[in-house]
Protein backbone atom coordinates (compact mmCIF):
# COMPACT_ATOMS: atom_id res chain seq x y z
CA MET A 1 -0.09 0.07 0.03
CA LEU A 2 1.61 3.19 -1.15
CA MET A 3 0.08 5.91 0.89
CA THR A 4 -1.04 9.56 0.30
CA ASP A 5 0.36 12.52 2.20
CA GLN A 6 -2.73 12.62 4.36
CA GLN A 7 -2.50 8.87 5.25
CA VAL A 8 1.10 9.29 6.21
CA LYS A 9 0.14 12.08 8.62
CA ASP A 10 -2.64 10.09 10.16
CA ARG A 11 -0.32 7.18 10.67
CA GLU A 12 2.24 9.57 12.27
CA GLN A 13 -0.46 10.80 14.65
CA ASN A 14 -1.63 7.38 15.49
CA SER A 15 1.83 5.98 16.12
CA ALA A 16 2.57 8.72 18.56
CA HIS A 17 -0.16 7.16 20.84
CA GLN A 18 1.00 3.56 20.36
CA THR A 19 2.77 1.28 22.71
CA SER A 20 6.51 1.13 21.75
CA VAL A 21 7.59 -2.37 20.60
CA PHE A 22 11.17 -3.13 21.20
CA LEU A 23 13.27 -5.92 19.64
CA ALA A 24 14.79 -7.68 22.64
CA GLY A 25 16.90 -10.35 21.12
CA SER A 26 17.45 -12.19 17.84
CA GLY A 27 18.85 -15.48 16.62
CA PHE A 28 19.88 -17.08 13.20
CA VAL A 29 20.97 -20.53 12.09
CA THR A 30 21.45 -22.40 8.80
CA GLY A 31 21.47 -25.95 8.07
CA SER A 32 24.80 -27.37 9.19
CA ARG A 33 25.94 -28.78 5.70
CA THR A 34 27.76 -26.41 3.59
CA VAL A 35 27.52 -27.45 -0.02
CA PRO A 36 29.70 -25.73 -2.76
CA SER A 37 27.67 -24.32 -5.67
CA GLU A 38 29.48 -26.52 -8.07
CA GLU A 39 28.31 -29.65 -6.30
CA ILE A 40 24.69 -28.33 -6.71
CA ASP A 41 25.36 -27.51 -10.37
CA ARG A 42 26.38 -31.33 -10.86
CA ALA A 43 23.33 -32.69 -8.96
CA PHE A 44 20.88 -30.65 -10.99
CA GLY A 45 22.67 -31.48 -14.26
CA MET A 46 23.80 -27.79 -14.87
CA PRO A 47 27.01 -26.76 -16.43
CA ILE A 48 29.59 -26.46 -13.61
CA GLY A 49 30.02 -23.01 -12.36
CA LYS A 50 26.60 -21.77 -13.38
CA LEU A 51 25.37 -20.88 -10.07
CA ARG A 52 28.43 -19.04 -9.07
CA SER A 53 28.59 -17.12 -12.47
CA ARG A 54 25.06 -16.39 -13.07
CA ALA A 55 23.59 -15.93 -9.59
CA GLY A 56 26.76 -15.22 -7.57
CA ILE A 57 26.08 -18.13 -5.14
CA GLU A 58 29.22 -19.69 -3.86
CA SER A 59 27.73 -22.24 -1.51
CA VAL A 60 24.35 -23.25 -0.09
CA ALA A 61 23.39 -24.23 3.50
CA TYR A 62 21.57 -27.52 3.58
CA ALA A 63 19.99 -29.30 6.57
CA ALA A 64 21.72 -32.49 7.97
CA GLU A 65 19.64 -35.69 8.29
CA ALA A 66 18.30 -34.82 11.77
CA GLU A 67 17.60 -31.08 11.07
CA THR A 68 14.07 -30.02 10.29
CA GLU A 69 12.19 -26.70 10.41
CA LEU A 70 11.39 -27.54 13.92
CA THR A 71 14.90 -28.24 15.02
CA LEU A 72 16.34 -25.12 13.22
CA GLY A 73 13.31 -22.85 14.31
CA THR A 74 13.79 -24.17 17.89
CA GLN A 75 17.50 -23.44 17.84
CA ALA A 76 17.20 -19.99 16.57
CA ALA A 77 14.37 -19.13 19.10
CA LEU A 78 16.43 -20.32 22.06
CA GLU A 79 19.42 -18.23 20.78
CA ALA A 80 17.06 -15.14 20.68
CA LEU A 81 15.84 -15.87 24.13
CA ARG A 82 19.24 -16.08 25.46
CA ALA A 83 20.15 -12.88 23.80
CA SER A 84 17.10 -11.16 25.13
CA GLY A 85 17.60 -12.30 28.82
CA CYS A 86 14.05 -13.77 28.57
CA THR A 87 12.81 -17.38 29.40
CA ALA A 88 10.23 -19.38 27.47
CA GLN A 89 7.80 -19.06 30.30
CA GLU A 90 7.64 -15.36 29.72
CA ILE A 91 6.46 -15.61 26.12
CA ASP A 92 2.74 -14.64 25.61
CA SER A 93 2.53 -15.69 21.97
CA ILE A 94 4.40 -17.44 19.29
CA VAL A 95 4.24 -16.32 15.66
CA ALA A 96 5.78 -18.59 13.03
CA THR A 97 6.16 -18.67 9.43
CA SER A 98 7.53 -21.04 6.96
CA GLU A 99 7.20 -21.72 3.25
CA THR A 100 8.31 -25.36 3.36
CA HIS A 101 6.45 -26.65 6.55
CA HIS A 102 3.20 -28.07 5.51
CA VAL A 103 2.22 -30.63 8.12
CA TYR A 104 0.27 -30.54 11.35
CA PRO A 105 0.69 -29.81 14.02
CA SER A 106 1.81 -26.41 12.59
CA LEU A 107 5.22 -25.08 13.12
CA ALA A 108 4.15 -22.64 15.80
CA ALA A 109 2.56 -25.34 17.68
CA GLN A 110 5.67 -27.63 17.52
CA VAL A 111 7.91 -24.85 18.42
CA HIS A 112 5.66 -24.10 21.38
CA SER A 113 6.27 -27.70 22.70
CA SER A 114 10.06 -27.79 22.03
CA MET A 115 10.72 -24.43 23.66
CA GLY A 116 8.67 -25.38 26.82
CA ALA A 117 6.27 -22.50 26.58
CA ARG A 118 3.43 -22.37 29.05
CA GLU A 119 -0.03 -23.53 28.20
CA THR A 120 -1.40 -19.96 28.08
CA CYS A 121 1.13 -19.06 25.40
CA GLY A 122 -0.52 -18.67 22.12
CA ALA A 123 0.75 -20.26 18.97
CA LEU A 124 -0.04 -18.78 15.41
CA ASP A 125 1.22 -19.39 12.05
CA VAL A 126 1.20 -16.78 9.12
CA GLY A 127 1.88 -17.32 5.46
CA GLY A 128 3.49 -15.02 2.78
CA ALA A 129 6.50 -17.28 1.70
CA CYS A 130 9.38 -14.91 1.37
CA LEU A 131 7.36 -12.23 2.91
CA GLY A 132 6.52 -14.22 5.86
CA LEU A 133 8.91 -12.50 8.20
CA VAL A 134 7.51 -9.11 7.66
CA ASN A 135 3.89 -10.44 7.98
CA ALA A 136 4.82 -12.20 11.31
CA LEU A 137 6.54 -9.06 12.82
CA ALA A 138 3.46 -7.01 11.94
CA VAL A 139 1.15 -9.59 13.58
CA ALA A 140 3.57 -9.59 16.66
CA GLN A 141 3.52 -5.75 16.95
CA SER A 142 -0.23 -5.63 16.74
CA MET A 143 -0.67 -8.17 19.59
CA ILE A 144 1.49 -5.98 21.78
CA VAL A 145 0.15 -2.53 20.84
CA SER A 146 -3.40 -3.99 21.55
CA GLY A 147 -2.45 -5.15 25.01
CA ASN A 148 -2.96 -8.82 24.27
CA ALA A 149 0.67 -9.66 24.74
CA SER A 150 3.60 -8.30 26.41
CA THR A 151 6.38 -10.43 24.85
CA VAL A 152 6.04 -12.16 21.55
CA ALA A 153 8.47 -14.68 19.80
CA VAL A 154 8.69 -14.47 16.07
CA ILE A 155 10.10 -17.56 14.22
CA THR A 156 10.96 -18.21 10.71
CA ALA A 157 12.25 -21.70 9.50
CA ASP A 158 12.66 -23.19 5.97
CA VAL A 159 14.06 -26.43 4.79
CA HIS A 160 14.04 -26.44 0.91
CA SER A 161 16.53 -29.14 0.40
CA ARG A 162 13.97 -31.93 0.71
CA THR A 163 11.39 -30.45 -1.52
CA LEU A 164 13.29 -28.57 -4.29
CA VAL A 165 15.46 -31.65 -5.36
CA PRO A 166 17.06 -32.76 -8.64
CA GLY A 167 14.23 -34.64 -10.75
CA ARG A 168 11.52 -32.69 -9.12
CA VAL A 169 12.43 -29.11 -10.23
CA ALA A 170 14.89 -27.48 -12.55
CA GLY A 171 18.27 -26.50 -11.20
CA GLU A 172 17.75 -22.96 -12.42
CA PHE A 173 15.05 -22.72 -9.58
CA GLY A 174 15.78 -25.33 -7.17
CA GLY A 175 19.55 -24.72 -6.93
CA LEU A 176 19.13 -21.33 -5.47
CA PHE A 177 17.60 -22.40 -2.29
CA GLY A 178 19.07 -23.19 1.09
CA ASP A 179 17.81 -24.15 4.68
CA GLY A 180 17.82 -21.82 7.70
CA ALA A 181 15.88 -20.04 10.58
CA SER A 182 15.55 -16.86 12.27
CA ALA A 183 13.96 -15.74 15.36
CA PHE A 184 13.10 -12.35 17.18
CA VAL A 185 11.90 -11.58 20.72
CA LEU A 186 9.57 -8.41 20.96
CA ARG A 187 8.68 -6.74 24.00
CA ASN A 188 6.46 -3.86 25.13
CA ALA A 189 9.06 -2.32 27.46
CA GLU A 190 13.00 -1.98 26.94
CA LYS A 191 14.96 -3.66 29.60
CA LYS A 192 18.42 -2.26 30.63
CA SER A 193 19.95 -5.68 29.78
CA GLY A 194 19.02 -8.07 27.01
CA THR A 195 17.98 -5.58 24.66
CA LEU A 196 18.97 -4.56 20.98
CA SER A 197 17.80 -1.04 21.62
CA TYR A 198 15.83 -0.90 18.51
CA ARG A 199 12.08 -0.08 18.27
CA LEU A 200 9.84 -1.66 15.62
CA ARG A 201 7.98 1.32 13.83
CA GLU A 202 5.44 1.40 10.96
CA PHE A 203 4.64 -1.16 8.27
CA LEU A 204 3.30 -1.06 4.66
CA PHE A 205 1.90 -3.82 2.51
CA GLY A 206 0.42 -4.43 -0.92
CA CYS A 207 0.01 -6.79 -3.81
CA ALA A 208 1.11 -6.00 -7.34
CA GLY A 209 -1.05 -8.61 -9.14
CA GLN A 210 0.15 -7.92 -12.60
CA TYR A 211 3.19 -10.07 -11.63
CA SER A 212 1.33 -13.00 -10.13
CA GLU A 213 2.16 -15.23 -12.96
CA ALA A 214 5.96 -14.75 -12.77
CA VAL A 215 6.57 -17.53 -10.29
CA LYS A 216 4.01 -20.33 -9.35
CA VAL A 217 4.53 -23.62 -7.62
CA GLU A 218 1.77 -26.31 -7.50
CA ASP A 219 1.86 -30.03 -6.56
CA LYS A 220 1.12 -32.50 -9.26
CA PRO A 221 -0.80 -35.82 -8.57
CA ASN A 222 2.27 -37.76 -9.07
CA GLY A 223 4.22 -36.02 -6.36
CA ALA A 224 6.15 -33.82 -8.78
CA LEU A 225 6.07 -29.99 -8.70
CA ASP A 226 4.84 -27.88 -11.42
CA VAL A 227 7.02 -24.88 -11.21
CA VAL A 228 6.56 -21.60 -13.36
CA PHE A 229 9.54 -19.59 -12.92
CA ASP A 230 10.15 -16.51 -15.24
CA GLY A 231 13.28 -15.28 -13.89
CA GLU A 232 13.64 -12.33 -16.27
CA ALA A 233 10.23 -10.94 -15.60
CA LEU A 234 10.59 -11.66 -11.76
CA SER A 235 14.00 -9.98 -11.69
CA ARG A 236 12.61 -6.89 -13.39
CA ALA A 237 9.43 -6.90 -11.20
CA ALA A 238 11.45 -7.29 -7.99
CA ILE A 239 13.87 -4.40 -8.71
CA ASN A 240 10.98 -2.05 -9.59
CA ARG A 241 8.85 -2.97 -6.58
CA MET A 242 11.92 -2.80 -4.01
CA GLU A 243 12.60 0.68 -5.21
CA LYS A 244 9.02 1.63 -4.70
CA ILE A 245 9.15 0.12 -1.15
CA PHE A 246 12.32 2.06 -0.15
CA SER A 247 10.53 5.41 -1.49
CA ALA A 248 7.34 4.46 0.46
CA LEU A 249 9.41 3.81 3.51
CA GLU A 250 11.25 7.01 3.12
CA LYS A 251 8.10 8.90 3.07
CA LEU A 252 6.65 6.95 5.99
CA SER A 253 9.60 7.43 8.35
CA ALA A 254 10.77 10.97 6.93
CA ILE A 255 14.28 9.25 6.83
CA PRO A 256 16.25 9.42 3.43
CA ARG A 257 17.74 6.13 2.35
CA SER A 258 21.05 7.65 2.52
CA ALA A 259 20.75 7.81 6.23
CA VAL A 260 19.69 4.07 6.46
CA GLY A 261 22.35 1.90 8.21
CA ALA A 262 21.14 -1.34 6.77
CA PHE A 263 18.62 -2.74 4.41
CA ALA A 264 17.28 -6.17 5.65
CA THR A 265 15.72 -7.27 2.51
CA HIS A 266 14.93 -10.56 0.65
CA GLN A 267 17.87 -11.82 -1.52
CA PRO A 268 16.73 -14.16 -4.43
CA ASN A 269 20.61 -14.19 -5.38
CA PRO A 270 23.66 -11.95 -4.88
CA ARG A 271 23.61 -10.77 -8.47
CA LEU A 272 20.10 -9.42 -8.11
CA LEU A 273 21.01 -7.94 -4.76
CA SER A 274 24.10 -5.79 -6.27
CA LEU A 275 21.68 -4.78 -9.16
CA LEU A 276 19.13 -3.56 -6.52
CA ALA A 277 21.81 -1.66 -4.58
CA LYS A 278 22.77 0.12 -7.98
CA VAL A 279 19.33 0.86 -9.01
CA THR A 280 18.31 2.33 -5.50
CA GLY A 281 21.45 4.42 -5.17
CA VAL A 282 22.52 2.80 -1.87
CA PRO A 283 25.97 1.16 -1.16
CA VAL A 284 25.77 -2.63 -1.55
CA GLU A 285 27.60 -2.97 1.81
CA THR A 286 24.40 -1.85 3.57
CA PHE A 287 22.80 -5.16 2.53
CA PRO A 288 24.05 -7.91 4.77
CA PRO A 289 25.26 -10.79 2.73
CA ILE A 290 23.38 -13.78 3.17
CA ALA A 291 22.32 -15.58 -0.24
CA ARG A 292 26.20 -15.60 -1.26
CA THR A 293 27.07 -18.50 1.18
CA ALA A 294 23.56 -19.84 2.23
CA GLY A 295 21.40 -19.52 -0.74
CA ASN A 296 17.87 -18.28 -0.76
CA LEU A 297 16.51 -19.13 2.64
CA GLY A 298 12.79 -18.19 1.61
CA SER A 299 10.96 -16.47 4.70
CA SER A 300 14.27 -16.84 6.70
CA THR A 301 16.44 -14.61 4.23
CA CYS A 302 14.81 -11.36 5.53
CA GLY A 303 15.28 -12.53 8.99
CA ALA A 304 18.94 -13.50 8.48
CA ALA A 305 19.50 -10.15 7.16
CA LEU A 306 17.78 -8.41 10.03
CA HIS A 307 19.69 -10.39 12.54
CA ALA A 308 22.94 -9.46 10.86
CA ALA A 309 21.99 -5.85 10.96
CA LEU A 310 21.06 -5.77 14.51
CA GLN A 311 24.15 -7.49 15.42
CA LYS A 312 26.28 -5.04 13.39
CA PHE A 313 24.77 -2.22 15.36
CA SER A 314 24.77 -3.97 18.82
CA SER A 315 28.39 -2.79 19.64
CA CYS A 316 27.81 0.81 18.45
CA PRO A 317 26.90 3.50 21.00
CA LEU A 318 23.09 4.25 20.93
CA ALA A 319 23.76 7.71 19.20
CA ALA A 320 25.59 5.94 16.41
CA ARG A 321 22.79 3.25 15.60
CA LYS A 322 21.26 4.10 12.33
CA PRO A 323 17.68 3.16 11.18
CA ILE A 324 17.07 -0.12 9.42
CA PHE A 325 14.69 -0.65 6.50
CA VAL A 326 13.17 -4.08 6.23
CA ALA A 327 11.53 -4.89 2.75
CA SER A 328 10.49 -8.17 1.02
CA LEU A 329 8.43 -9.66 -1.74
CA GLY A 330 6.27 -12.94 -1.99
CA PRO A 331 4.67 -14.81 -4.79
CA GLY A 332 1.63 -12.98 -6.01
CA LEU A 333 3.43 -10.40 -6.10
CA LEU A 334 2.88 -9.57 -2.46
CA PHE A 335 5.16 -6.88 -0.96
CA GLY A 336 5.72 -5.27 2.40
CA GLY A 337 8.17 -3.25 4.35
CA ALA A 338 8.83 -1.65 7.76
CA TRP A 339 11.34 0.49 9.38
CA LEU A 340 13.21 0.29 12.62
CA ALA A 341 14.75 3.07 14.74
CA ALA A 342 17.34 3.13 17.60
CA ALA A 343 15.42 3.10 20.87
CA GLU A 344 16.10 6.81 21.64
CA SER A 345 14.86 7.93 18.32
């Protein structure tokens, strides 16, 4: 949703009366197997060096045999809890998202049990694929602002290596994806210890339906996947839409992109990320590098980038902590963004 000047003004007035939502801790893990891109080229029957030269992917993180969305998500969640100085018993609700976990109990319910959360802690899953992290953060923020929760854990977890396999999808698509998880603890009050000193501010969302046919994945009756992947059209659409998200976030936050310290965005591949930096006029160094060594992590890519940005600024004095823009896209073409400010801002 790209807003008018009046809508921006109304949002600013409303946000002044809202409860502040602080990021208290974050965590990120990848699958424990690091697979060189050349090995993936070979497995998918592609020319050796194609992933590296065409996409900029040097290696991909794959889950080991015993690793799943649940184990990776729980590991990231426990890491975030430790960083926040918070216990599982303090969590009022868990909001989870994954583009690869399609069984019941849901991922949120399973993480609830594995974390040892109390019975009165809610468990909710949201969709959106690569946009899932932004959706989940928005839901968590609304829970806290409404007074229905004081502390919420947001978790992403994706294991593509067991679904997007040779023989089921083409390497030009399946070879891009890796496995990982991220987690964040959100609170309604900043604590002197166990805080990242960042506030979660406003969000924006929309759906550019004219690009809905650029990528589609459907199950076939024989167990195969029917994948429509127009890489050229999708790349053009992604660059164009991300530029619009950045412009909308500048307007929403009254912060120019030149003053933003990090852009935690989805990263389909490193080549596209470099092009995005060039088109939007911001240094490529402001995009935490994730896809180069881990691959496209789906809903966890944006989470991995946000975690890296928060870690980067955690050692800086509060006055030196710059704003963070979060932006991502999902099939449809869904899009969304948010901005974070240092707690004193």
